[in-house]
PDB file of N, CA and C in Angstrom:
ATOM      1  N   MET A   1      85.074 114.628  86.979  1.00  0.00           N
ATOM      2  CA  MET A   1      85.374 113.250  87.843  1.00  0.00           C
ATOM      3  C   MET A   1      86.510 113.818  89.218  1.00  0.00           C
ATOM      4  N   LYS A   2      86.654 112.977  90.127  1.00  0.00           N
ATOM      5  CA  LYS A   2      87.781 113.552  90.320  1.00  0.00           C
ATOM      6  C   LYS A   2      88.074 112.700  91.381  1.00  0.00           C
ATOM      7  N   ARG A   3      89.362 112.460  91.734  1.00  0.00           N
ATOM      8  CA  ARG A   3      90.155 111.120  92.554  1.00  0.00           C
ATOM      9  C   ARG A   3      91.532 111.850  92.904  1.00  0.00           C
ATOM     10  N   ILE A   4      91.480 111.308  94.445  1.00  0.00           N
ATOM     11  CA  ILE A   4      92.334 111.482  95.064  1.00  0.00           C
ATOM     12  C   ILE A   4      94.089 110.479  94.330  1.00  0.00           C
ATOM     13  N   VAL A   5      95.283 111.563  94.333  1.00  0.00           N
ATOM     14  CA  VAL A   5      96.680 111.101  93.433  1.00  0.00           C
ATOM     15  C   VAL A   5      97.797 111.131  94.707  1.00  0.00           C
ATOM     16  N   ASP A   6      98.517 109.968  95.453  1.00  0.00           N
ATOM     17  CA  ASP A   6      99.087 110.569  95.936  1.00  0.00           C
ATOM     18  C   ASP A   6     100.411 110.657  94.665  1.00  0.00           C
ATOM     19  N   VAL A   7     101.608 111.289  95.365  1.00  0.00           N
ATOM     20  CA  VAL A   7     102.784 111.327  94.788  1.00  0.00           C
ATOM     21  C   VAL A   7     104.213 111.778  95.641  1.00  0.00           C
ATOM     22  N   TYR A   8     104.835 110.136  95.020  1.00  0.00           N
ATOM     23  CA  TYR A   8     106.257 109.989  95.582  1.00  0.00           C
ATOM     24  C   TYR A   8     107.652 109.967  94.639  1.00  0.00           C
ATOM     25  N   ARG A   9     108.502 109.052  95.678  1.00  0.00           N
ATOM     26  CA  ARG A   9     109.378 109.753  94.989  1.00  0.00           C
ATOM     27  C   ARG A   9     110.146 108.604  94.052  1.00  0.00           C
ATOM     28  N   LYS A  10     110.702 108.717  93.409  1.00  0.00           N
ATOM     29  CA  LYS A  10     110.479 107.260  92.410  1.00  0.00           C
ATOM     30  C   LYS A  10     111.029 106.206  92.974  1.00  0.00           C
ATOM     31  N   HIS A  11     112.423 106.570  93.312  1.00  0.00           N
ATOM     32  CA  HIS A  11     113.002 105.608  94.115  1.00  0.00           C
ATOM     33  C   HIS A  11     112.945 105.449  95.187  1.00  0.00           C
ATOM     34  N   ARG A  12     111.744 105.449  96.484  1.00  0.00           N
ATOM     35  CA  ARG A  12     112.042 105.868  97.399  1.00  0.00           C
ATOM     36  C   ARG A  12     110.027 105.586  97.694  1.00  0.00           C
ATOM     37  N   ASN A  13     109.727 104.439  97.681  1.00  0.00           N
ATOM     38  CA  ASN A  13     108.420 104.268  97.649  1.00  0.00           C
ATOM     39  C   ASN A  13     107.090 104.856  98.375  1.00  0.00           C
ATOM     40  N   LYS A  14     107.864 104.483  99.558  1.00  0.00           N
ATOM     41  CA  LYS A  14     107.085 105.142 100.987  1.00  0.00           C
ATOM     42  C   LYS A  14     107.068 106.535 101.328  1.00  0.00           C
ATOM     43  N   GLU A  15     108.416 106.983 100.928  1.00  0.00           N
ATOM     44  CA  GLU A  15     108.301 108.430 101.371  1.00  0.00           C
ATOM     45  C   GLU A  15     106.836 109.223 100.390  1.00  0.00           C
ATOM     46  N   LEU A  16     106.273 109.577 100.701  1.00  0.00           N
ATOM     47  CA  LEU A  16     104.877 110.677  99.653  1.00  0.00           C
ATOM     48  C   LEU A  16     105.157 111.862 100.569  1.00  0.00           C
ATOM     49  N   LEU A  17     105.067 112.336  99.362  1.00  0.00           N
ATOM     50  CA  LEU A  17     106.186 113.529  99.289  1.00  0.00           C
ATOM     51  C   LEU A  17     104.361 114.635  99.205  1.00  0.00           C
ATOM     52  N   TRP A  18     102.994 114.105  98.925  1.00  0.00           N
ATOM     53  CA  TRP A  18     102.245 115.319  98.798  1.00  0.00           C
ATOM     54  C   TRP A  18     100.608 114.195  97.821  1.00  0.00           C
ATOM     55  N   THR A  19      99.949 114.936  98.215  1.00  0.00           N
ATOM     56  CA  THR A  19      98.173 114.265  97.948  1.00  0.00           C
ATOM     57  C   THR A  19      97.419 115.444  97.272  1.00  0.00           C
ATOM     58  N   TYR A  20      97.222 115.334  96.087  1.00  0.00           N
ATOM     59  CA  TYR A  20      95.910 116.038  95.308  1.00  0.00           C
ATOM     60  C   TYR A  20      95.046 115.202  94.910  1.00  0.00           C
ATOM     61  N   ILE A  21      94.035 116.747  94.783  1.00  0.00           N
ATOM     62  CA  ILE A  21      92.630 115.983  95.075  1.00  0.00           C
ATOM     63  C   ILE A  21      92.748 116.492  92.932  1.00  0.00           C
ATOM     64  N   VAL A  22      92.356 115.676  91.680  1.00  0.00           N
ATOM     65  CA  VAL A  22      92.741 116.354  90.745  1.00  0.00           C
ATOM     66  C   VAL A  22      91.399 115.509  90.134  1.00  0.00           C
ATOM     67  N   PHE A  23      90.643 117.102  89.155  1.00  0.00           N
ATOM     68  CA  PHE A  23      89.604 116.852  88.253  1.00  0.00           C
ATOM     69  C   PHE A  23      89.821 117.057  87.013  1.00  0.00           C
ATOM     70  N   LEU A  24      89.054 116.073  86.651  1.00  0.00           N
ATOM     71  CA  LEU A  24      89.251 115.982  85.346  1.00  0.00           C
ATOM     72  C   LEU A  24      88.119 115.550  84.515  1.00  0.00           C
ATOM     73  N   GLY A  25      87.958 115.932  82.943  1.00  0.00           N
ATOM     74  CA  GLY A  25      86.173 115.140  82.430  1.00  0.00           C
ATOM     75  C   GLY A  25      85.520 116.256  82.437  1.00  0.00           C
ATOM     76  N   SER A  26      85.500 117.624  83.038  1.00  0.00           N
ATOM     77  CA  SER A  26      84.271 118.062  83.136  1.00  0.00           C
ATOM     78  C   SER A  26      84.338 118.343  81.304  1.00  0.00           C
ATOM     79  N   ASP A  27      84.806 118.429  80.965  1.00  0.00           N
ATOM     80  CA  ASP A  27      84.555 118.895  79.318  1.00  0.00           C
ATOM     81  C   ASP A  27      83.795 117.729  78.759  1.00  0.00           C
ATOM     82  N   GLY A  28      83.582 116.786  78.957  1.00  0.00           N
ATOM     83  CA  GLY A  28      82.742 115.253  79.566  1.00  0.00           C
ATOM     84  C   GLY A  28      83.688 114.694  78.117  1.00  0.00           C
ATOM     85  N   THR A  29      84.921 114.634  78.928  1.00  0.00           N
ATOM     86  CA  THR A  29      85.319 113.536  78.488  1.00  0.00           C
ATOM     87  C   THR A  29      85.813 112.613  78.928  1.00  0.00           C
ATOM     88  N   HIS A  30      86.018 111.251  79.401  1.00  0.00           N
ATOM     89  CA  HIS A  30      86.713 110.455  80.386  1.00  0.00           C
ATOM     90  C   HIS A  30      88.586 109.863  80.460  1.00  0.00           C
ATOM     91  N   PRO A  31      88.678 110.996  80.921  1.00  0.00           N
ATOM     92  CA  PRO A  31      90.153 110.389  81.137  1.00  0.00           C
ATOM     93  C   PRO A  31      90.547 109.094  81.952  1.00  0.00           C
ATOM     94  N   SER A  32      91.933 108.755  81.762  1.00  0.00           N
ATOM     95  CA  SER A  32      92.577 107.562  82.223  1.00  0.00           C
ATOM     96  C   SER A  32      93.050 107.865  83.615  1.00  0.00           C
ATOM     97  N   ILE A  33      93.554 106.869  84.233  1.00  0.00           N
ATOM     98  CA  ILE A  33      94.199 106.585  85.681  1.00  0.00           C
ATOM     99  C   ILE A  33      95.104 107.462  84.469  1.00  0.00           C
ATOM    100  N   ASN A  34      95.541 107.312  83.962  1.00  0.00           N
ATOM    101  CA  ASN A  34      97.466 107.698  83.341  1.00  0.00           C
ATOM    102  C   ASN A  34      96.974 108.677  83.312  1.00  0.00           C
ATOM    103  N   ASP A  35      96.014 109.537  82.979  1.00  0.00           N
ATOM    104  CA  ASP A  35      95.864 110.919  82.847  1.00  0.00           C
ATOM    105  C   ASP A  35      95.786 111.710  84.145  1.00  0.00           C
ATOM    106  N   PHE A  36      95.202 111.504  85.063  1.00  0.00           N
ATOM    107  CA  PHE A  36      95.361 111.543  86.493  1.00  0.00           C
ATOM    108  C   PHE A  36      96.748 111.425  87.339  1.00  0.00           C
ATOM    109  N   LYS A  37      96.860 110.784  86.848  1.00  0.00           N
ATOM    110  CA  LYS A  37      98.791 110.798  87.108  1.00  0.00           C
ATOM    111  C   LYS A  37      99.460 111.562  86.947  1.00  0.00           C
ATOM    112  N   LYS A  38      99.723 111.707  85.354  1.00  0.00           N
ATOM    113  CA  LYS A  38      99.905 112.746  84.025  1.00  0.00           C
ATOM    114  C   LYS A  38      99.950 113.949  84.893  1.00  0.00           C
ATOM    115  N   GLU A  39      98.387 114.535  85.310  1.00  0.00           N
ATOM    116  CA  GLU A  39      98.055 115.727  86.250  1.00  0.00           C
ATOM    117  C   GLU A  39      98.645 115.527  87.019  1.00  0.00           C
ATOM    118  N   ALA A  40      98.266 114.789  87.959  1.00  0.00           N
ATOM    119  CA  ALA A  40      99.418 115.546  89.568  1.00  0.00           C
ATOM    120  C   ALA A  40     101.001 115.005  89.602  1.00  0.00           C
ATOM    121  N   ILE A  41     101.758 114.713  89.055  1.00  0.00           N
ATOM    122  CA  ILE A  41     102.943 115.083  88.098  1.00  0.00           C
ATOM    123  C   ILE A  41     102.934 116.553  87.837  1.00  0.00           C
ATOM    124  N   SER A  42     101.876 116.628  87.035  1.00  0.00           N
ATOM    125  CA  SER A  42     102.697 118.028  86.825  1.00  0.00           C
ATOM    126  C   SER A  42     101.815 119.298  88.102  1.00  0.00           C
ATOM    127  N   LEU A  43     101.585 118.659  88.225  1.00  0.00           N
ATOM    128  CA  LEU A  43     101.425 119.995  89.448  1.00  0.00           C
ATOM    129  C   LEU A  43     102.376 120.039  90.732  1.00  0.00           C
ATOM    130  N   ALA A  44     102.863 118.164  91.171  1.00  0.00           N
ATOM    131  CA  ALA A  44     104.048 118.537  91.548  1.00  0.00           C
ATOM    132  C   ALA A  44     105.195 119.011  90.985  1.00  0.00           C
ATOM    133  N   VAL A  45     105.639 118.647  89.894  1.00  0.00           N
ATOM    134  CA  VAL A  45     106.611 119.612  89.098  1.00  0.00           C
ATOM    135  C   VAL A  45     106.495 121.311  89.172  1.00  0.00           C
ATOM    136  N   ILE A  46     105.294 121.574  89.371  1.00  0.00           N
ATOM    137  CA  ILE A  46     105.161 123.061  88.993  1.00  0.00           C
ATOM    138  C   ILE A  46     105.659 124.160  90.801  1.00  0.00           C
ATOM    139  N   ASP A  47     104.915 122.598  91.832  1.00  0.00           N
ATOM    140  CA  ASP A  47     105.063 123.273  92.946  1.00  0.00           C
ATOM    141  C   ASP A  47     106.917 123.034  93.331  1.00  0.00           C
ATOM    142  N   LYS A  48     107.092 122.322  93.105  1.00  0.00           N
ATOM    143  CA  LYS A  48     108.873 122.042  93.275  1.00  0.00           C
ATOM    144  C   LYS A  48     108.856 120.991  93.983  1.00  0.00           C
ATOM    145  N   ARG A  49     108.057 120.408  93.937  1.00  0.00           N
ATOM    146  CA  ARG A  49     107.686 118.651  94.335  1.00  0.00           C
ATOM    147  C   ARG A  49     108.938 117.931  94.438  1.00  0.00           C
ATOM    148  N   GLY A  50     110.167 118.172  93.074  1.00  0.00           N
ATOM    149  CA  GLY A  50     110.831 117.370  92.278  1.00  0.00           C
ATOM    150  C   GLY A  50     110.469 117.594  90.377  1.00  0.00           C
ATOM    151  N   GLY A  51     111.677 116.737  90.525  1.00  0.00           N
ATOM    152  CA  GLY A  51     111.536 116.985  88.554  1.00  0.00           C
ATOM    153  C   GLY A  51     110.644 115.772  87.995  1.00  0.00           C
ATOM    154  N   ILE A  52     110.153 115.902  86.693  1.00  0.00           N
ATOM    155  CA  ILE A  52     109.250 114.757  86.486  1.00  0.00           C
ATOM    156  C   ILE A  52     110.021 113.306  86.579  1.00  0.00           C
ATOM    157  N   ASP A  53     110.852 113.657  86.234  1.00  0.00           N
ATOM    158  CA  ASP A  53     111.709 112.265  85.696  1.00  0.00           C
ATOM    159  C   ASP A  53     111.961 111.195  87.575  1.00  0.00           C
ATOM    160  N   GLU A  54     111.460 111.751  88.661  1.00  0.00           N
ATOM    161  CA  GLU A  54     111.842 111.967  89.965  1.00  0.00           C
ATOM    162  C   GLU A  54     110.593 110.760  91.044  1.00  0.00           C
ATOM    163  N   LEU A  55     109.488 111.408  90.113  1.00  0.00           N
ATOM    164  CA  LEU A  55     108.408 111.305  90.218  1.00  0.00           C
ATOM    165  C   LEU A  55     107.561 110.331  90.058  1.00  0.00           C
ATOM    166  N   GLU A  56     106.199 109.536  90.553  1.00  0.00           N
ATOM    167  CA  GLU A  56     105.536 108.536  90.601  1.00  0.00           C
ATOM    168  C   GLU A  56     103.852 108.976  91.340  1.00  0.00           C
ATOM    169  N   ALA A  57     103.174 108.874  90.624  1.00  0.00           N
ATOM    170  CA  ALA A  57     101.716 108.703  91.245  1.00  0.00           C
ATOM    171  C   ALA A  57     100.731 107.645  91.039  1.00  0.00           C
ATOM    172  N   TYR A  58      99.998 107.515  92.984  1.00  0.00           N
ATOM    173  CA  TYR A  58      98.725 106.325  92.897  1.00  0.00           C
ATOM    174  C   TYR A  58      97.937 106.671  93.096  1.00  0.00           C
ATOM    175  N   VAL A  59      97.159 106.696  91.934  1.00  0.00           N
ATOM    176  CA  VAL A  59      95.657 107.439  91.796  1.00  0.00           C
ATOM    177  C   VAL A  59      94.895 106.502  92.980  1.00  0.00           C
ATOM    178  N   HIS A  60      94.053 106.908  93.348  1.00  0.00           N
ATOM    179  CA  HIS A  60      92.903 105.624  94.612  1.00  0.00           C
ATOM    180  C   HIS A  60      92.112 105.450  94.143  1.00  0.00           C
ATOM    181  N   SER A  61      91.439 104.241  94.062  1.00  0.00           N
ATOM    182  CA  SER A  61      90.357 103.681  92.879  1.00  0.00           C
ATOM    183  C   SER A  61      89.146 104.571  92.915  1.00  0.00           C
ATOM    184  N   GLU A  62      89.036 105.522  94.759  1.00  0.00           N
ATOM    185  CA  GLU A  62      87.309 105.410  94.052  1.00  0.00           C
ATOM    186  C   GLU A  62      87.526 106.536  94.228  1.00  0.00           C
ATOM    187  N   THR A  63      86.427 107.343  93.407  1.00  0.00           N
ATOM    188  CA  THR A  63      86.021 108.490  92.942  1.00  0.00           C
ATOM    189  C   THR A  63      85.425 109.933  94.004  1.00  0.00           C
ATOM    190  N   ILE A  64      85.745 110.400  94.163  1.00  0.00           N
ATOM    191  CA  ILE A  64      85.266 111.640  95.307  1.00  0.00           C
ATOM    192  C   ILE A  64      83.815 112.585  94.353  1.00  0.00           C
ATOM    193  N   LYS A  65      82.624 113.031  95.244  1.00  0.00           N
ATOM    194  CA  LYS A  65      81.550 113.207  94.737  1.00  0.00           C
ATOM    195  C   LYS A  65      81.568 114.772  94.699  1.00  0.00           C
TER     196      LYS A  65
END
């Protein structure tokens, strides 16, 4: 399942840092919205967009095929 996830600074919600397309569940699992948020924040930390405590994620409701 693919979802679009926007990553923001926690205290500045209008400051969009990055948008990720996150793909989870290829192993037959059914990931939750929180799984997509965690993955996007992890990617943002790896990409040096901020610390884990500074970031917040918003998952778009539509899935991507």
